[in-house]
């Protein structure tokens, strides 16, 4: 890879341990964030080779 682009940043809601987000698998939560990013940009998903995601506070 010779080039990299930062298109946007997006985050999910923050919840409490055992709270409303406890039943949502982290992959599904990440997919919601990814969908939100695609909805607000004009990026063609087929043009994306890699996505880097992280978890700041895994208390689930």
N, C-alpha and C. Protein backbone atom coordinates (compact mmCIF):
# COMPACT_ATOMS: atom_id res chain seq x y z
N UNK A 1 0.85 -1.17 0.00
CA UNK A 1 0.00 0.00 0.00
C UNK A 1 0.90 1.23 0.00
N UNK A 2 0.69 2.10 -0.96
CA UNK A 2 1.51 3.31 -1.04
C UNK A 2 0.76 4.55 -0.60
N UNK A 3 -0.56 4.49 -0.56
CA UNK A 3 -1.35 5.65 -0.18
C UNK A 3 -2.42 5.25 0.82
N UNK A 4 -2.73 6.17 1.71
CA UNK A 4 -3.82 5.95 2.66
C UNK A 4 -4.61 7.24 2.78
N UNK A 5 -5.89 7.11 2.98
CA UNK A 5 -6.77 8.27 3.10
C UNK A 5 -7.63 8.13 4.34
N UNK A 6 -7.75 9.19 5.10
CA UNK A 6 -8.70 9.25 6.20
C UNK A 6 -9.92 9.96 5.63
N UNK A 7 -11.02 9.25 5.54
CA UNK A 7 -12.22 9.78 4.92
C UNK A 7 -13.07 10.53 5.93
N UNK A 8 -13.23 9.95 7.10
CA UNK A 8 -14.11 10.52 8.11
C UNK A 8 -13.87 9.76 9.40
N UNK A 9 -14.44 10.23 10.46
CA UNK A 9 -14.41 9.51 11.73
C UNK A 9 -15.84 9.45 12.23
N UNK A 10 -16.16 8.35 12.86
CA UNK A 10 -17.52 8.17 13.38
C UNK A 10 -17.41 7.36 14.66
N UNK A 11 -18.34 7.58 15.55
CA UNK A 11 -18.33 6.83 16.81
C UNK A 11 -19.72 6.33 17.11
N UNK A 12 -19.79 5.41 18.01
CA UNK A 12 -21.07 4.87 18.44
C UNK A 12 -21.46 5.52 19.77
N UNK A 13 -22.63 5.21 20.21
CA UNK A 13 -23.10 5.70 21.51
C UNK A 13 -22.27 5.09 22.63
N UNK A 14 -22.28 5.73 23.76
CA UNK A 14 -21.59 5.23 24.95
C UNK A 14 -22.65 4.73 25.91
N UNK A 15 -22.44 3.54 26.44
CA UNK A 15 -23.42 2.98 27.36
C UNK A 15 -22.78 2.53 28.66
N UNK A 16 -23.63 2.19 29.61
CA UNK A 16 -23.17 1.69 30.90
C UNK A 16 -23.07 0.16 30.85
N UNK A 17 -22.28 -0.39 31.74
CA UNK A 17 -22.18 -1.85 31.85
C UNK A 17 -23.57 -2.43 32.11
N UNK A 18 -23.95 -3.39 31.29
CA UNK A 18 -25.25 -4.03 31.43
C UNK A 18 -26.41 -3.16 30.97
N UNK A 19 -26.11 -2.05 30.30
CA UNK A 19 -27.15 -1.11 29.87
C UNK A 19 -27.77 -1.48 28.53
N UNK A 20 -28.32 -0.48 27.87
CA UNK A 20 -29.08 -0.68 26.64
C UNK A 20 -28.26 -1.28 25.51
N UNK A 21 -26.95 -1.06 25.50
CA UNK A 21 -26.11 -1.58 24.42
C UNK A 21 -25.50 -2.94 24.74
N UNK A 22 -25.74 -3.45 25.93
CA UNK A 22 -25.10 -4.69 26.37
C UNK A 22 -25.44 -5.88 25.48
N UNK A 23 -26.62 -5.89 24.89
CA UNK A 23 -27.02 -7.02 24.06
C UNK A 23 -26.60 -6.92 22.61
N UNK A 24 -25.90 -5.84 22.26
CA UNK A 24 -25.47 -5.65 20.87
C UNK A 24 -24.02 -6.12 20.74
N UNK A 25 -23.79 -7.06 19.84
CA UNK A 25 -22.44 -7.57 19.62
C UNK A 25 -21.56 -6.43 19.08
N UNK A 26 -20.31 -6.34 19.51
CA UNK A 26 -19.43 -5.26 19.06
C UNK A 26 -19.31 -5.17 17.53
N UNK A 27 -19.33 -6.31 16.85
CA UNK A 27 -19.25 -6.29 15.39
C UNK A 27 -20.48 -5.61 14.81
N UNK A 28 -21.65 -5.88 15.38
CA UNK A 28 -22.88 -5.24 14.91
C UNK A 28 -22.87 -3.74 15.19
N UNK A 29 -22.33 -3.36 16.33
CA UNK A 29 -22.22 -1.94 16.67
C UNK A 29 -21.27 -1.24 15.69
N UNK A 30 -20.18 -1.91 15.38
CA UNK A 30 -19.24 -1.37 14.39
C UNK A 30 -19.87 -1.25 13.01
N UNK A 31 -20.71 -2.22 12.66
CA UNK A 31 -21.40 -2.17 11.37
C UNK A 31 -22.35 -0.97 11.30
N UNK A 32 -22.98 -0.64 12.42
CA UNK A 32 -23.85 0.54 12.46
C UNK A 32 -23.03 1.82 12.23
N UNK A 33 -21.86 1.87 12.83
CA UNK A 33 -20.99 3.03 12.63
C UNK A 33 -20.53 3.12 11.18
N UNK A 34 -20.16 2.00 10.60
CA UNK A 34 -19.72 1.95 9.20
C UNK A 34 -20.85 2.39 8.28
N UNK A 35 -22.06 1.92 8.54
CA UNK A 35 -23.23 2.31 7.73
C UNK A 35 -23.46 3.82 7.86
N UNK A 36 -23.33 4.35 9.07
CA UNK A 36 -23.50 5.78 9.28
C UNK A 36 -22.48 6.59 8.49
N UNK A 37 -21.24 6.12 8.46
CA UNK A 37 -20.21 6.80 7.69
C UNK A 37 -20.54 6.77 6.20
N UNK A 38 -20.97 5.64 5.70
CA UNK A 38 -21.31 5.54 4.27
C UNK A 38 -22.51 6.40 3.92
N UNK A 39 -23.45 6.52 4.85
CA UNK A 39 -24.64 7.32 4.59
C UNK A 39 -24.32 8.81 4.48
N UNK A 40 -23.29 9.28 5.17
CA UNK A 40 -23.01 10.72 5.16
C UNK A 40 -21.84 11.11 4.25
N UNK A 41 -21.27 10.16 3.54
CA UNK A 41 -20.22 10.46 2.57
C UNK A 41 -20.64 9.90 1.22
N UNK A 42 -19.92 10.27 0.19
CA UNK A 42 -20.23 9.71 -1.13
C UNK A 42 -19.19 8.68 -1.56
N UNK A 43 -18.62 8.00 -0.60
CA UNK A 43 -17.61 6.98 -0.87
C UNK A 43 -18.28 5.71 -1.38
N UNK A 44 -17.72 5.15 -2.44
CA UNK A 44 -18.19 3.87 -2.96
C UNK A 44 -17.60 2.77 -2.08
N UNK A 45 -18.41 1.98 -1.39
CA UNK A 45 -17.89 0.93 -0.51
C UNK A 45 -16.94 -0.03 -1.23
N UNK A 46 -17.14 -0.24 -2.53
CA UNK A 46 -16.27 -1.14 -3.28
C UNK A 46 -14.86 -0.57 -3.44
N UNK A 47 -14.70 0.73 -3.23
CA UNK A 47 -13.39 1.37 -3.36
C UNK A 47 -12.57 1.28 -2.08
N UNK A 48 -13.15 0.77 -1.01
CA UNK A 48 -12.48 0.69 0.29
C UNK A 48 -11.82 -0.68 0.43
N UNK A 49 -10.51 -0.68 0.63
CA UNK A 49 -9.77 -1.93 0.81
C UNK A 49 -9.69 -2.35 2.27
N UNK A 50 -9.50 -1.40 3.17
CA UNK A 50 -9.33 -1.70 4.58
C UNK A 50 -10.06 -0.67 5.44
N UNK A 51 -10.50 -1.13 6.59
CA UNK A 51 -11.10 -0.25 7.58
C UNK A 51 -10.39 -0.52 8.90
N UNK A 52 -9.98 0.52 9.56
CA UNK A 52 -9.33 0.37 10.87
C UNK A 52 -10.30 0.89 11.92
N UNK A 53 -10.61 0.05 12.88
CA UNK A 53 -11.54 0.42 13.95
C UNK A 53 -10.90 0.08 15.29
N UNK A 54 -11.33 0.77 16.30
CA UNK A 54 -10.78 0.51 17.62
C UNK A 54 -11.85 0.60 18.68
N UNK A 55 -11.52 0.09 19.84
CA UNK A 55 -12.43 0.13 20.98
C UNK A 55 -11.71 0.87 22.11
N UNK A 56 -12.28 1.98 22.52
CA UNK A 56 -11.65 2.80 23.53
C UNK A 56 -11.94 2.29 24.93
N UNK A 57 -13.17 1.86 25.16
CA UNK A 57 -13.58 1.49 26.51
C UNK A 57 -14.46 0.24 26.46
N UNK A 58 -13.86 -0.91 26.52
CA UNK A 58 -14.60 -2.17 26.41
C UNK A 58 -15.07 -2.62 27.79
N UNK A 59 -16.22 -2.12 28.24
CA UNK A 59 -16.71 -2.53 29.55
C UNK A 59 -17.85 -3.53 29.46
N UNK A 60 -18.46 -3.65 28.25
CA UNK A 60 -19.59 -4.50 27.92
C UNK A 60 -20.05 -5.41 28.92
